[in-house]
Amino acid sequence: MLDDGPSIGTDTSIAFDDGRGRLWSRTPRSITAIPPSLADRFAPAELAVFEWTDYWIRHDDATWLHVGDDRNHPVDHGLYRLRFENRLGLARIQPYDAGGPLCPPLWIEVLSRKFPTPAAHL
């Protein structure tokens, strides 16, 4: 579940797992909220990100990250690099430790910059 607050915008970051996790990119406007009018079309995704863009996740309690069908290992303690290449559509991001999932999945929709809004992907 996403945390409340002005997390999406010029800083291009979002907090999740009660602030213990953060997803961000250094690329401006690379994380966008799914508009409420399209929520039913993109459910369970609440956010859209873009392929071919570097994203980072920080979750200090995680020992690995489940992203789509892949298991990602940290580049440093609690720090993960994500990049979706030729992988459009719904993706799950979920941090794990030895005991299992640390929080519910963060569901995202991966978009192409050729169609830079959720509406353009329909």
PDB file of N, CA and C in Angstrom:
ATOM      1  N   MET A   1       0.843  -1.174   0.000  1.00  0.00           N
ATOM      2  CA  MET A   1       0.000   0.000   0.000  1.00  0.00           C
ATOM      3  C   MET A   1       0.884   1.231   0.000  1.00  0.00           C
ATOM      4  N   LEU A   2       0.539   2.196  -0.814  1.00  0.00           N
ATOM      5  CA  LEU A   2       1.289   3.436  -0.879  1.00  0.00           C
ATOM      6  C   LEU A   2       1.020   4.275   0.351  1.00  0.00           C
ATOM      7  N   ASP A   3       2.035   5.019   0.748  1.00  0.00           N
ATOM      8  CA  ASP A   3       1.869   5.918   1.874  1.00  0.00           C
ATOM      9  C   ASP A   3       1.216   7.200   1.404  1.00  0.00           C
ATOM     10  N   ASP A   4       0.456   7.824   2.295  1.00  0.00           N
ATOM     11  CA  ASP A   4      -0.167   9.101   1.978  1.00  0.00           C
ATOM     12  C   ASP A   4       0.895  10.189   1.912  1.00  0.00           C
ATOM     13  N   GLY A   5       0.567  11.244   1.216  1.00  0.00           N
ATOM     14  CA  GLY A   5       1.468  12.391   1.181  1.00  0.00           C
ATOM     15  C   GLY A   5       1.878  12.736  -0.230  1.00  0.00           C
ATOM     16  N   PRO A   6       2.542  13.866  -0.374  1.00  0.00           N
ATOM     17  CA  PRO A   6       2.936  14.351  -1.691  1.00  0.00           C
ATOM     18  C   PRO A   6       4.191  13.660  -2.195  1.00  0.00           C
ATOM     19  N   SER A   7       4.100  12.350  -2.409  1.00  0.00           N
ATOM     20  CA  SER A   7       5.278  11.576  -2.778  1.00  0.00           C
ATOM     21  C   SER A   7       5.566  11.592  -4.267  1.00  0.00           C
ATOM     22  N   ILE A   8       4.563  11.787  -5.093  1.00  0.00           N
ATOM     23  CA  ILE A   8       4.763  11.764  -6.535  1.00  0.00           C
ATOM     24  C   ILE A   8       4.836  13.203  -7.012  1.00  0.00           C
ATOM     25  N   GLY A   9       5.817  13.505  -7.804  1.00  0.00           N
ATOM     26  CA  GLY A   9       5.962  14.861  -8.311  1.00  0.00           C
ATOM     27  C   GLY A   9       7.378  15.093  -8.793  1.00  0.00           C
ATOM     28  N   THR A  10       7.887  16.266  -8.516  1.00  0.00           N
ATOM     29  CA  THR A  10       9.186  16.633  -9.046  1.00  0.00           C
ATOM     30  C   THR A  10      10.314  15.794  -8.484  1.00  0.00           C
ATOM     31  N   ASP A  11      10.152  15.242  -7.282  1.00  0.00           N
ATOM     32  CA  ASP A  11      11.220  14.407  -6.729  1.00  0.00           C
ATOM     33  C   ASP A  11      11.183  12.997  -7.304  1.00  0.00           C
ATOM     34  N   THR A  12      10.130  12.642  -8.013  1.00  0.00           N
ATOM     35  CA  THR A  12       9.966  11.346  -8.653  1.00  0.00           C
ATOM     36  C   THR A  12      10.263  10.207  -7.687  1.00  0.00           C
ATOM     37  N   SER A  13       9.557  10.196  -6.563  1.00  0.00           N
ATOM     38  CA  SER A  13       9.718   9.110  -5.602  1.00  0.00           C
ATOM     39  C   SER A  13       8.403   8.830  -4.904  1.00  0.00           C
ATOM     40  N   ILE A  14       8.320   7.631  -4.350  1.00  0.00           N
ATOM     41  CA  ILE A  14       7.118   7.228  -3.629  1.00  0.00           C
ATOM     42  C   ILE A  14       7.550   6.359  -2.451  1.00  0.00           C
ATOM     43  N   ALA A  15       6.913   6.582  -1.310  1.00  0.00           N
ATOM     44  CA  ALA A  15       7.164   5.753  -0.133  1.00  0.00           C
ATOM     45  C   ALA A  15       6.124   4.641  -0.078  1.00  0.00           C
ATOM     46  N   PHE A  16       6.523   3.487   0.473  1.00  0.00           N
ATOM     47  CA  PHE A  16       5.593   2.374   0.669  1.00  0.00           C
ATOM     48  C   PHE A  16       6.006   1.634   1.939  1.00  0.00           C
ATOM     49  N   ASP A  17       5.208   0.673   2.345  1.00  0.00           N
ATOM     50  CA  ASP A  17       5.448  -0.113   3.562  1.00  0.00           C
ATOM     51  C   ASP A  17       5.637   0.810   4.770  1.00  0.00           C
ATOM     52  N   ASP A  18       4.664   1.702   4.972  1.00  0.00           N
ATOM     53  CA  ASP A  18       4.677   2.638   6.104  1.00  0.00           C
ATOM     54  C   ASP A  18       5.977   3.424   6.191  1.00  0.00           C
ATOM     55  N   GLY A  19       6.521   3.790   5.043  1.00  0.00           N
ATOM     56  CA  GLY A  19       7.727   4.608   4.996  1.00  0.00           C
ATOM     57  C   GLY A  19       9.021   3.821   5.084  1.00  0.00           C
ATOM     58  N   ARG A  20       8.958   2.512   5.283  1.00  0.00           N
ATOM     59  CA  ARG A  20      10.186   1.715   5.366  1.00  0.00           C
ATOM     60  C   ARG A  20      10.802   1.485   3.984  1.00  0.00           C
ATOM     61  N   GLY A  21       9.998   1.618   2.943  1.00  0.00           N
ATOM     62  CA  GLY A  21      10.496   1.432   1.586  1.00  0.00           C
ATOM     63  C   GLY A  21      10.298   2.688   0.753  1.00  0.00           C
ATOM     64  N   ARG A  22      11.177   2.878  -0.219  1.00  0.00           N
ATOM     65  CA  ARG A  22      11.055   4.016  -1.126  1.00  0.00           C
ATOM     66  C   ARG A  22      11.479   3.586  -2.522  1.00  0.00           C
ATOM     67  N   LEU A  23      10.655   3.958  -3.503  1.00  0.00           N
ATOM     68  CA  LEU A  23      10.938   3.745  -4.924  1.00  0.00           C
ATOM     69  C   LEU A  23      11.212   5.112  -5.518  1.00  0.00           C
ATOM     70  N   TRP A  24      12.309   5.248  -6.275  1.00  0.00           N
ATOM     71  CA  TRP A  24      12.584   6.537  -6.896  1.00  0.00           C
ATOM     72  C   TRP A  24      13.372   6.367  -8.183  1.00  0.00           C
ATOM     73  N   SER A  25      13.443   7.471  -8.923  1.00  0.00           N
ATOM     74  CA  SER A  25      14.235   7.552 -10.139  1.00  0.00           C
ATOM     75  C   SER A  25      14.834   8.943 -10.207  1.00  0.00           C
ATOM     76  N   ARG A  26      15.980   9.030 -10.839  1.00  0.00           N
ATOM     77  CA  ARG A  26      16.593  10.344 -11.050  1.00  0.00           C
ATOM     78  C   ARG A  26      16.065  10.998 -12.326  1.00  0.00           C
ATOM     79  N   THR A  27      15.253  10.264 -13.068  1.00  0.00           N
ATOM     80  CA  THR A  27      14.656  10.788 -14.299  1.00  0.00           C
ATOM     81  C   THR A  27      13.365  11.519 -13.939  1.00  0.00           C
ATOM     82  N   PRO A  28      13.257  12.805 -14.260  1.00  0.00           N
ATOM     83  CA  PRO A  28      12.042  13.555 -13.917  1.00  0.00           C
ATOM     84  C   PRO A  28      10.784  12.927 -14.508  1.00  0.00           C
ATOM     85  N   ARG A  29       9.696  12.998 -13.752  1.00  0.00           N
ATOM     86  CA  ARG A  29       8.373  12.535 -14.177  1.00  0.00           C
ATOM     87  C   ARG A  29       8.372  11.079 -14.650  1.00  0.00           C
ATOM     88  N   SER A  30       9.130  10.235 -13.985  1.00  0.00           N
ATOM     89  CA  SER A  30       9.201   8.837 -14.403  1.00  0.00           C
ATOM     90  C   SER A  30       8.350   7.908 -13.539  1.00  0.00           C
ATOM     91  N   ILE A  31       7.686   8.455 -12.532  1.00  0.00           N
ATOM     92  CA  ILE A  31       6.720   7.705 -11.728  1.00  0.00           C
ATOM     93  C   ILE A  31       5.447   8.536 -11.710  1.00  0.00           C
ATOM     94  N   THR A  32       4.354   7.929 -12.107  1.00  0.00           N
ATOM     95  CA  THR A  32       3.098   8.661 -12.148  1.00  0.00           C
ATOM     96  C   THR A  32       1.990   7.831 -11.523  1.00  0.00           C
ATOM     97  N   ALA A  33       1.047   8.508 -10.932  1.00  0.00           N
ATOM     98  CA  ALA A  33      -0.113   7.815 -10.359  1.00  0.00           C
ATOM     99  C   ALA A  33      -1.068   7.410 -11.480  1.00  0.00           C
ATOM    100  N   ILE A  34      -1.701   6.276 -11.312  1.00  0.00           N
ATOM    101  CA  ILE A  34      -2.769   5.884 -12.235  1.00  0.00           C
ATOM    102  C   ILE A  34      -3.965   6.779 -11.920  1.00  0.00           C
ATOM    103  N   PRO A  35      -4.506   7.499 -12.895  1.00  0.00           N
ATOM    104  CA  PRO A  35      -5.642   8.380 -12.619  1.00  0.00           C
ATOM    105  C   PRO A  35      -6.845   7.596 -12.084  1.00  0.00           C
ATOM    106  N   PRO A  36      -7.584   8.176 -11.145  1.00  0.00           N
ATOM    107  CA  PRO A  36      -8.759   7.476 -10.598  1.00  0.00           C
ATOM    108  C   PRO A  36      -9.733   7.016 -11.680  1.00  0.00           C
ATOM    109  N   SER A  37      -9.864   7.782 -12.759  1.00  0.00           N
ATOM    110  CA  SER A  37     -10.795   7.402 -13.824  1.00  0.00           C
ATOM    111  C   SER A  37     -10.358   6.140 -14.571  1.00  0.00           C
ATOM    112  N   LEU A  38      -9.081   5.747 -14.422  1.00  0.00           N
ATOM    113  CA  LEU A  38      -8.563   4.547 -15.090  1.00  0.00           C
ATOM    114  C   LEU A  38      -8.198   3.442 -14.108  1.00  0.00           C
ATOM    115  N   ALA A  39      -8.475   3.657 -12.830  1.00  0.00           N
ATOM    116  CA  ALA A  39      -8.057   2.711 -11.793  1.00  0.00           C
ATOM    117  C   ALA A  39      -8.577   1.303 -12.052  1.00  0.00           C
ATOM    118  N   ASP A  40      -9.819   1.178 -12.491  1.00  0.00           N
ATOM    119  CA  ASP A  40     -10.368  -0.156 -12.729  1.00  0.00           C
ATOM    120  C   ASP A  40      -9.707  -0.848 -13.920  1.00  0.00           C
ATOM    121  N   ARG A  41      -9.197  -0.099 -14.880  1.00  0.00           N
ATOM    122  CA  ARG A  41      -8.553  -0.672 -16.069  1.00  0.00           C
ATOM    123  C   ARG A  41      -7.136  -1.168 -15.785  1.00  0.00           C
ATOM    124  N   PHE A  42      -6.471  -0.541 -14.768  1.00  0.00           N
ATOM    125  CA  PHE A  42      -5.083  -0.886 -14.458  1.00  0.00           C
ATOM    126  C   PHE A  42      -4.929  -1.631 -13.133  1.00  0.00           C
ATOM    127  N   ALA A  43      -6.021  -1.874 -12.431  1.00  0.00           N
ATOM    128  CA  ALA A  43      -5.947  -2.553 -11.128  1.00  0.00           C
ATOM    129  C   ALA A  43      -5.213  -3.881 -11.277  1.00  0.00           C
ATOM    130  N   PRO A  44      -4.393  -4.246 -10.326  1.00  0.00           N
ATOM    131  CA  PRO A  44      -4.190  -3.616  -9.024  1.00  0.00           C
ATOM    132  C   PRO A  44      -3.118  -2.526  -8.995  1.00  0.00           C
ATOM    133  N   ALA A  45      -2.558  -2.140 -10.149  1.00  0.00           N
ATOM    134  CA  ALA A  45      -1.508  -1.109 -10.168  1.00  0.00           C
ATOM    135  C   ALA A  45      -2.048   0.236  -9.699  1.00  0.00           C
ATOM    136  N   GLU A  46      -1.266   0.899  -8.875  1.00  0.00           N
ATOM    137  CA  GLU A  46      -1.580   2.255  -8.427  1.00  0.00           C
ATOM    138  C   GLU A  46      -0.638   3.270  -9.060  1.00  0.00           C
ATOM    139  N   LEU A  47       0.482   2.767  -9.593  1.00  0.00           N
ATOM    140  CA  LEU A  47       1.518   3.615 -10.176  1.00  0.00           C
ATOM    141  C   LEU A  47       1.886   3.125 -11.560  1.00  0.00           C
ATOM    142  N   ALA A  48       2.409   4.043 -12.363  1.00  0.00           N
ATOM    143  CA  ALA A  48       2.977   3.691 -13.662  1.00  0.00           C
ATOM    144  C   ALA A  48       4.425   4.167 -13.688  1.00  0.00           C
ATOM    145  N   VAL A  49       5.294   3.333 -14.280  1.00  0.00           N
ATOM    146  CA  VAL A  49       6.696   3.663 -14.484  1.00  0.00           C
ATOM    147  C   VAL A  49       7.008   3.387 -15.957  1.00  0.00           C
ATOM    148  N   PHE A  50       8.209   3.722 -16.385  1.00  0.00           N
ATOM    149  CA  PHE A  50       8.567   3.574 -17.791  1.00  0.00           C
ATOM    150  C   PHE A  50       9.679   2.551 -17.991  1.00  0.00           C
ATOM    151  N   GLU A  51       9.575   1.821 -19.113  1.00  0.00           N
ATOM    152  CA  GLU A  51      10.659   0.919 -19.467  1.00  0.00           C
ATOM    153  C   GLU A  51      11.884   1.754 -19.850  1.00  0.00           C
ATOM    154  N   TRP A  52      13.041   1.125 -19.811  1.00  0.00           N
ATOM    155  CA  TRP A  52      14.323   1.733 -20.185  1.00  0.00           C
ATOM    156  C   TRP A  52      14.698   2.913 -19.288  1.00  0.00           C
ATOM    157  N   THR A  53      14.208   2.917 -18.084  1.00  0.00           N
ATOM    158  CA  THR A  53      14.516   3.959 -17.094  1.00  0.00           C
ATOM    159  C   THR A  53      15.038   3.273 -15.850  1.00  0.00           C
ATOM    160  N   ASP A  54      16.074   3.838 -15.244  1.00  0.00           N
ATOM    161  CA  ASP A  54      16.613   3.278 -14.013  1.00  0.00           C
ATOM    162  C   ASP A  54      15.778   3.715 -12.822  1.00  0.00           C
ATOM    163  N   TYR A  55      15.421   2.738 -12.000  1.00  0.00           N
ATOM    164  CA  TYR A  55      14.691   2.973 -10.754  1.00  0.00           C
ATOM    165  C   TYR A  55      15.484   2.354  -9.623  1.00  0.00           C
ATOM    166  N   TRP A  56      15.266   2.875  -8.444  1.00  0.00           N
ATOM    167  CA  TRP A  56      15.945   2.394  -7.253  1.00  0.00           C
ATOM    168  C   TRP A  56      14.915   2.155  -6.169  1.00  0.00           C
ATOM    169  N   ILE A  57      15.167   1.120  -5.395  1.00  0.00           N
ATOM    170  CA  ILE A  57      14.340   0.844  -4.216  1.00  0.00           C
ATOM    171  C   ILE A  57      15.263   0.756  -3.025  1.00  0.00           C
ATOM    172  N   ARG A  58      14.863   1.422  -1.964  1.00  0.00           N
ATOM    173  CA  ARG A  58      15.562   1.314  -0.686  1.00  0.00           C
ATOM    174  C   ARG A  58      14.591   0.689   0.307  1.00  0.00           C
ATOM    175  N   HIS A  59      14.976  -0.438   0.855  1.00  0.00           N
ATOM    176  CA  HIS A  59      14.231  -1.068   1.948  1.00  0.00           C
ATOM    177  C   HIS A  59      15.277  -1.779   2.803  1.00  0.00           C
ATOM    178  N   ASP A  60      15.664  -1.150   3.898  1.00  0.00           N
ATOM    179  CA  ASP A  60      16.783  -1.640   4.696  1.00  0.00           C
ATOM    180  C   ASP A  60      16.557  -3.008   5.321  1.00  0.00           C
ATOM    181  N   ASP A  61      15.304  -3.428   5.469  1.00  0.00           N
ATOM    182  CA  ASP A  61      15.024  -4.734   6.065  1.00  0.00           C
ATOM    183  C   ASP A  61      15.041  -5.865   5.045  1.00  0.00           C
ATOM    184  N   ALA A  62      15.065  -5.539   3.769  1.00  0.00           N
ATOM    185  CA  ALA A  62      14.966  -6.557   2.713  1.00  0.00           C
ATOM    186  C   ALA A  62      16.326  -7.183   2.413  1.00  0.00           C
ATOM    187  N   THR A  63      16.313  -8.492   2.194  1.00  0.00           N
ATOM    188  CA  THR A  63      17.523  -9.190   1.752  1.00  0.00           C
ATOM    189  C   THR A  63      17.451  -9.527   0.266  1.00  0.00           C
ATOM    190  N   TRP A  64      16.253  -9.508  -0.286  1.00  0.00           N
ATOM    191  CA  TRP A  64      16.066  -9.642  -1.727  1.00  0.00           C
ATOM    192  C   TRP A  64      14.729  -9.031  -2.099  1.00  0.00           C
ATOM    193  N   LEU A  65      14.560  -8.802  -3.392  1.00  0.00           N
ATOM    194  CA  LEU A  65      13.376  -8.125  -3.909  1.00  0.00           C
ATOM    195  C   LEU A  65      12.790  -8.968  -5.036  1.00  0.00           C
ATOM    196  N   HIS A  66      11.507  -9.238  -4.948  1.00  0.00           N
ATOM    197  CA  HIS A  66      10.793  -9.941  -6.018  1.00  0.00           C
ATOM    198  C   HIS A  66      10.249  -8.869  -6.968  1.00  0.00           C
ATOM    199  N   VAL A  67      10.693  -8.906  -8.218  1.00  0.00           N
ATOM    200  CA  VAL A  67      10.243  -7.946  -9.233  1.00  0.00           C
ATOM    201  C   VAL A  67       9.763  -8.745 -10.429  1.00  0.00           C
ATOM    202  N   GLY A  68       8.448  -8.710 -10.649  1.00  0.00           N
ATOM    203  CA  GLY A  68       7.889  -9.543 -11.710  1.00  0.00           C
ATOM    204  C   GLY A  68       8.170 -11.002 -11.401  1.00  0.00           C
ATOM    205  N   ASP A  69       8.829 -11.694 -12.316  1.00  0.00           N
ATOM    206  CA  ASP A  69       9.206 -13.092 -12.108  1.00  0.00           C
ATOM    207  C   ASP A  69      10.645 -13.241 -11.634  1.00  0.00           C
ATOM    208  N   ASP A  70      11.327 -12.113 -11.409  1.00  0.00           N
ATOM    209  CA  ASP A  70      12.748 -12.143 -11.074  1.00  0.00           C
ATOM    210  C   ASP A  70      13.000 -11.912  -9.592  1.00  0.00           C
ATOM    211  N   ARG A  71      14.101 -12.472  -9.142  1.00  0.00           N
ATOM    212  CA  ARG A  71      14.578 -12.253  -7.785  1.00  0.00           C
ATOM    213  C   ARG A  71      15.793 -11.334  -7.876  1.00  0.00           C
ATOM    214  N   ASN A  72      15.680 -10.121  -7.341  1.00  0.00           N
ATOM    215  CA  ASN A  72      16.760  -9.140  -7.394  1.00  0.00           C
ATOM    216  C   ASN A  72      17.518  -9.126  -6.078  1.00  0.00           C
ATOM    217  N   HIS A  73      18.832  -9.036  -6.189  1.00  0.00           N
ATOM    218  CA  HIS A  73      19.681  -8.942  -5.012  1.00  0.00           C
ATOM    219  C   HIS A  73      20.191  -7.508  -4.881  1.00  0.00           C
ATOM    220  N   PRO A  74      20.493  -7.071  -3.670  1.00  0.00           N
ATOM    221  CA  PRO A  74      20.885  -5.667  -3.480  1.00  0.00           C
ATOM    222  C   PRO A  74      22.242  -5.344  -4.090  1.00  0.00           C
ATOM    223  N   VAL A  75      22.387  -4.103  -4.539  1.00  0.00           N
ATOM    224  CA  VAL A  75      23.683  -3.601  -4.990  1.00  0.00           C
ATOM    225  C   VAL A  75      24.476  -3.096  -3.784  1.00  0.00           C
ATOM    226  N   ASP A  76      23.770  -2.811  -2.714  1.00  0.00           N
ATOM    227  CA  ASP A  76      24.333  -2.429  -1.429  1.00  0.00           C
ATOM    228  C   ASP A  76      23.264  -2.770  -0.395  1.00  0.00           C
ATOM    229  N   HIS A  77      23.583  -2.720   0.877  1.00  0.00           N
ATOM    230  CA  HIS A  77      22.611  -3.104   1.903  1.00  0.00           C
ATOM    231  C   HIS A  77      21.278  -2.367   1.710  1.00  0.00           C
ATOM    232  N   GLY A  78      20.222  -3.124   1.397  1.00  0.00           N
ATOM    233  CA  GLY A  78      18.883  -2.560   1.269  1.00  0.00           C
ATOM    234  C   GLY A  78      18.640  -1.713   0.038  1.00  0.00           C
ATOM    235  N   LEU A  79      19.576  -1.672  -0.906  1.00  0.00           N
ATOM    236  CA  LEU A  79      19.448  -0.835  -2.103  1.00  0.00           C
ATOM    237  C   LEU A  79      19.395  -1.719  -3.350  1.00  0.00           C
ATOM    238  N   TYR A  80      18.359  -1.515  -4.156  1.00  0.00           N
ATOM    239  CA  TYR A  80      18.109  -2.342  -5.336  1.00  0.00           C
ATOM    240  C   TYR A  80      17.950  -1.464  -6.567  1.00  0.00           C
ATOM    241  N   ARG A  81      18.539  -1.895  -7.683  1.00  0.00           N
ATOM    242  CA  ARG A  81      18.366  -1.208  -8.969  1.00  0.00           C
ATOM    243  C   ARG A  81      17.345  -1.990  -9.781  1.00  0.00           C
ATOM    244  N   LEU A  82      16.405  -1.267 -10.383  1.00  0.00           N
ATOM    245  CA  LEU A  82      15.382  -1.864 -11.245  1.00  0.00           C
ATOM    246  C   LEU A  82      15.438  -1.196 -12.604  1.00  0.00           C
ATOM    247  N   ARG A  83      15.225  -1.972 -13.629  1.00  0.00           N
ATOM    248  CA  ARG A  83      15.134  -1.437 -14.986  1.00  0.00           C
ATOM    249  C   ARG A  83      14.300  -2.430 -15.790  1.00  0.00           C
ATOM    250  N   PHE A  84      13.238  -1.952 -16.375  1.00  0.00           N
ATOM    251  CA  PHE A  84      12.360  -2.797 -17.175  1.00  0.00           C
ATOM    252  C   PHE A  84      12.722  -2.600 -18.641  1.00  0.00           C
ATOM    253  N   GLU A  85      13.185  -3.660 -19.272  1.00  0.00           N
ATOM    254  CA  GLU A  85      13.596  -3.598 -20.675  1.00  0.00           C
ATOM    255  C   GLU A  85      12.711  -4.535 -21.484  1.00  0.00           C
ATOM    256  N   ASN A  86      11.948  -3.967 -22.416  1.00  0.00           N
ATOM    257  CA  ASN A  86      11.010  -4.746 -23.238  1.00  0.00           C
ATOM    258  C   ASN A  86      10.042  -5.551 -22.381  1.00  0.00           C
ATOM    259  N   ARG A  87       9.626  -4.981 -21.272  1.00  0.00           N
ATOM    260  CA  ARG A  87       8.690  -5.639 -20.363  1.00  0.00           C
ATOM    261  C   ARG A  87       7.605  -4.642 -19.979  1.00  0.00           C
ATOM    262  N   LEU A  88       6.564  -4.600 -20.770  1.00  0.00           N
ATOM    263  CA  LEU A  88       5.449  -3.696 -20.510  1.00  0.00           C
ATOM    264  C   LEU A  88       4.352  -4.433 -19.760  1.00  0.00           C
ATOM    265  N   GLY A  89       3.530  -3.659 -19.055  1.00  0.00           N
ATOM    266  CA  GLY A  89       2.379  -4.236 -18.387  1.00  0.00           C
ATOM    267  C   GLY A  89       2.547  -4.292 -16.885  1.00  0.00           C
ATOM    268  N   LEU A  90       1.712  -5.084 -16.261  1.00  0.00           N
ATOM    269  CA  LEU A  90       1.648  -5.183 -14.815  1.00  0.00           C
ATOM    270  C   LEU A  90       2.879  -5.881 -14.244  1.00  0.00           C
ATOM    271  N   ALA A  91       3.436  -5.315 -13.182  1.00  0.00           N
ATOM    272  CA  ALA A  91       4.578  -5.919 -12.497  1.00  0.00           C
ATOM    273  C   ALA A  91       4.394  -5.780 -10.990  1.00  0.00           C
ATOM    274  N   ARG A  92       4.913  -6.754 -10.290  1.00  0.00           N
ATOM    275  CA  ARG A  92       4.850  -6.773  -8.828  1.00  0.00           C
ATOM    276  C   ARG A  92       6.244  -6.512  -8.277  1.00  0.00           C
ATOM    277  N   ILE A  93       6.317  -5.645  -7.267  1.00  0.00           N
ATOM    278  CA  ILE A  93       7.557  -5.404  -6.540  1.00  0.00           C
ATOM    279  C   ILE A  93       7.265  -5.725  -5.084  1.00  0.00           C
ATOM    280  N   GLN A  94       8.083  -6.623  -4.504  1.00  0.00           N
ATOM    281  CA  GLN A  94       7.837  -7.013  -3.124  1.00  0.00           C
ATOM    282  C   GLN A  94       9.157  -7.338  -2.426  1.00  0.00           C
ATOM    283  N   PRO A  95       9.456  -6.629  -1.328  1.00  0.00           N
ATOM    284  CA  PRO A  95      10.674  -6.928  -0.573  1.00  0.00           C
ATOM    285  C   PRO A  95      10.491  -8.141   0.330  1.00  0.00           C
ATOM    286  N   TYR A  96      11.571  -8.928   0.464  1.00  0.00           N
ATOM    287  CA  TYR A  96      11.580 -10.142   1.275  1.00  0.00           C
ATOM    288  C   TYR A  96      12.788 -10.144   2.204  1.00  0.00           C
ATOM    289  N   ASP A  97      12.655 -10.891   3.281  1.00  0.00           N
ATOM    290  CA  ASP A  97      13.799 -11.297   4.087  1.00  0.00           C
ATOM    291  C   ASP A  97      13.712 -12.812   4.252  1.00  0.00           C
ATOM    292  N   ALA A  98      14.538 -13.388   5.091  1.00  0.00           N
ATOM    293  CA  ALA A  98      14.555 -14.847   5.241  1.00  0.00           C
ATOM    294  C   ALA A  98      13.218 -15.406   5.703  1.00  0.00           C
ATOM    295  N   GLY A  99      12.414 -14.599   6.378  1.00  0.00           N
ATOM    296  CA  GLY A  99      11.123 -15.050   6.881  1.00  0.00           C
ATOM    297  C   GLY A  99       9.984 -14.940   5.887  1.00  0.00           C
ATOM    298  N   GLY A 100      10.217 -14.303   4.753  1.00  0.00           N
ATOM    299  CA  GLY A 100       9.166 -14.147   3.749  1.00  0.00           C
ATOM    300  C   GLY A 100       8.936 -12.696   3.374  1.00  0.00           C
ATOM    301  N   PRO A 101       7.773 -12.388   2.807  1.00  0.00           N
ATOM    302  CA  PRO A 101       7.480 -11.016   2.374  1.00  0.00           C
ATOM    303  C   PRO A 101       7.421 -10.067   3.561  1.00  0.00           C
ATOM    304  N   LEU A 102       7.961  -8.859   3.361  1.00  0.00           N
ATOM    305  CA  LEU A 102       7.962  -7.840   4.412  1.00  0.00           C
ATOM    306  C   LEU A 102       6.723  -6.957   4.386  1.00  0.00           C
ATOM    307  N   CYS A 103       6.033  -6.939   3.251  1.00  0.00           N
ATOM    308  CA  CYS A 103       4.844  -6.103   3.107  1.00  0.00           C
ATOM    309  C   CYS A 103       4.060  -6.610   1.901  1.00  0.00           C
ATOM    310  N   PRO A 104       2.842  -6.124   1.718  1.00  0.00           N
ATOM    311  CA  PRO A 104       2.104  -6.489   0.506  1.00  0.00           C
ATOM    312  C   PRO A 104       2.846  -5.993  -0.738  1.00  0.00           C
ATOM    313  N   PRO A 105       2.602  -6.579  -1.887  1.00  0.00           N
ATOM    314  CA  PRO A 105       3.282  -6.140  -3.107  1.00  0.00           C
ATOM    315  C   PRO A 105       2.923  -4.706  -3.488  1.00  0.00           C
ATOM    316  N   LEU A 106       3.871  -4.050  -4.105  1.00  0.00           N
ATOM    317  CA  LEU A 106       3.654  -2.762  -4.747  1.00  0.00           C
ATOM    318  C   LEU A 106       3.417  -3.091  -6.213  1.00  0.00           C
ATOM    319  N   TRP A 107       2.204  -2.866  -6.693  1.00  0.00           N
ATOM    320  CA  TRP A 107       1.845  -3.188  -8.074  1.00  0.00           C
ATOM    321  C   TRP A 107       2.040  -1.952  -8.940  1.00  0.00           C
ATOM    322  N   ILE A 108       2.753  -2.120 -10.039  1.00  0.00           N
ATOM    323  CA  ILE A 108       3.014  -1.018 -10.960  1.00  0.00           C
ATOM    324  C   ILE A 108       2.667  -1.444 -12.379  1.00  0.00           C
ATOM    325  N   GLU A 109       2.400  -0.478 -13.213  1.00  0.00           N
ATOM    326  CA  GLU A 109       2.197  -0.702 -14.644  1.00  0.00           C
ATOM    327  C   GLU A 109       3.401  -0.112 -15.366  1.00  0.00           C
ATOM    328  N   VAL A 110       4.081  -0.925 -16.161  1.00  0.00           N
ATOM    329  CA  VAL A 110       5.243  -0.467 -16.914  1.00  0.00           C
ATOM    330  C   VAL A 110       4.763   0.019 -18.277  1.00  0.00           C
ATOM    331  N   LEU A 111       5.069   1.278 -18.580  1.00  0.00           N
ATOM    332  CA  LEU A 111       4.628   1.920 -19.816  1.00  0.00           C
ATOM    333  C   LEU A 111       5.801   2.153 -20.754  1.00  0.00           C
ATOM    334  N   SER A 112       5.491   2.312 -22.018  1.00  0.00           N
ATOM    335  CA  SER A 112       6.476   2.730 -23.018  1.00  0.00           C
ATOM    336  C   SER A 112       6.415   4.251 -23.143  1.00  0.00           C
ATOM    337  N   ARG A 113       7.570   4.885 -23.338  1.00  0.00           N
ATOM    338  CA  ARG A 113       7.584   6.343 -23.537  1.00  0.00           C
ATOM    339  C   ARG A 113       6.938   6.729 -24.871  1.00  0.00           C
ATOM    340  N   LYS A 114       6.725   5.758 -25.753  1.00  0.00           N
ATOM    341  CA  LYS A 114       6.010   6.041 -27.002  1.00  0.00           C
ATOM    342  C   LYS A 114       4.563   6.424 -26.727  1.00  0.00           C
ATOM    343  N   PHE A 115       4.034   5.931 -25.628  1.00  0.00           N
ATOM    344  CA  PHE A 115       2.677   6.234 -25.186  1.00  0.00           C
ATOM    345  C   PHE A 115       2.789   6.654 -23.716  1.00  0.00           C
ATOM    346  N   PRO A 116       3.166   7.903 -23.450  1.00  0.00           N
ATOM    347  CA  PRO A 116       3.664   8.295 -22.140  1.00  0.00           C
ATOM    348  C   PRO A 116       2.630   8.496 -21.020  1.00  0.00           C
ATOM    349  N   THR A 117       1.390   8.134 -21.252  1.00  0.00           N
ATOM    350  CA  THR A 117       0.402   8.238 -20.180  1.00  0.00           C
ATOM    351  C   THR A 117      -0.360   6.915 -20.082  1.00  0.00           C
ATOM    352  N   PRO A 118      -0.923   6.647 -18.920  1.00  0.00           N
ATOM    353  CA  PRO A 118      -1.737   5.429 -18.828  1.00  0.00           C
ATOM    354  C   PRO A 118      -2.868   5.403 -19.858  1.00  0.00           C
ATOM    355  N   ALA A 119      -3.516   6.530 -20.084  1.00  0.00           N
ATOM    356  CA  ALA A 119      -4.630   6.580 -21.046  1.00  0.00           C
ATOM    357  C   ALA A 119      -4.169   6.225 -22.449  1.00  0.00           C
ATOM    358  N   ALA A 120      -2.962   6.634 -22.811  1.00  0.00           N
ATOM    359  CA  ALA A 120      -2.440   6.360 -24.160  1.00  0.00           C
ATOM    360  C   ALA A 120      -2.146   4.880 -24.363  1.00  0.00           C
ATOM    361  N   HIS A 121      -2.037   4.115 -23.287  1.00  0.00           N
ATOM    362  CA  HIS A 121      -1.757   2.684 -23.393  1.00  0.00           C
ATOM    363  C   HIS A 121      -2.994   1.829 -23.573  1.00  0.00           C
ATOM    364  N   LEU A 122      -4.146   2.431 -23.465  1.00  0.00           N
ATOM    365  CA  LEU A 122      -5.390   1.667 -23.623  1.00  0.00           C
ATOM    366  C   LEU A 122      -5.764   1.525 -25.088  1.00  0.00           C
TER     367      LEU A 122
END
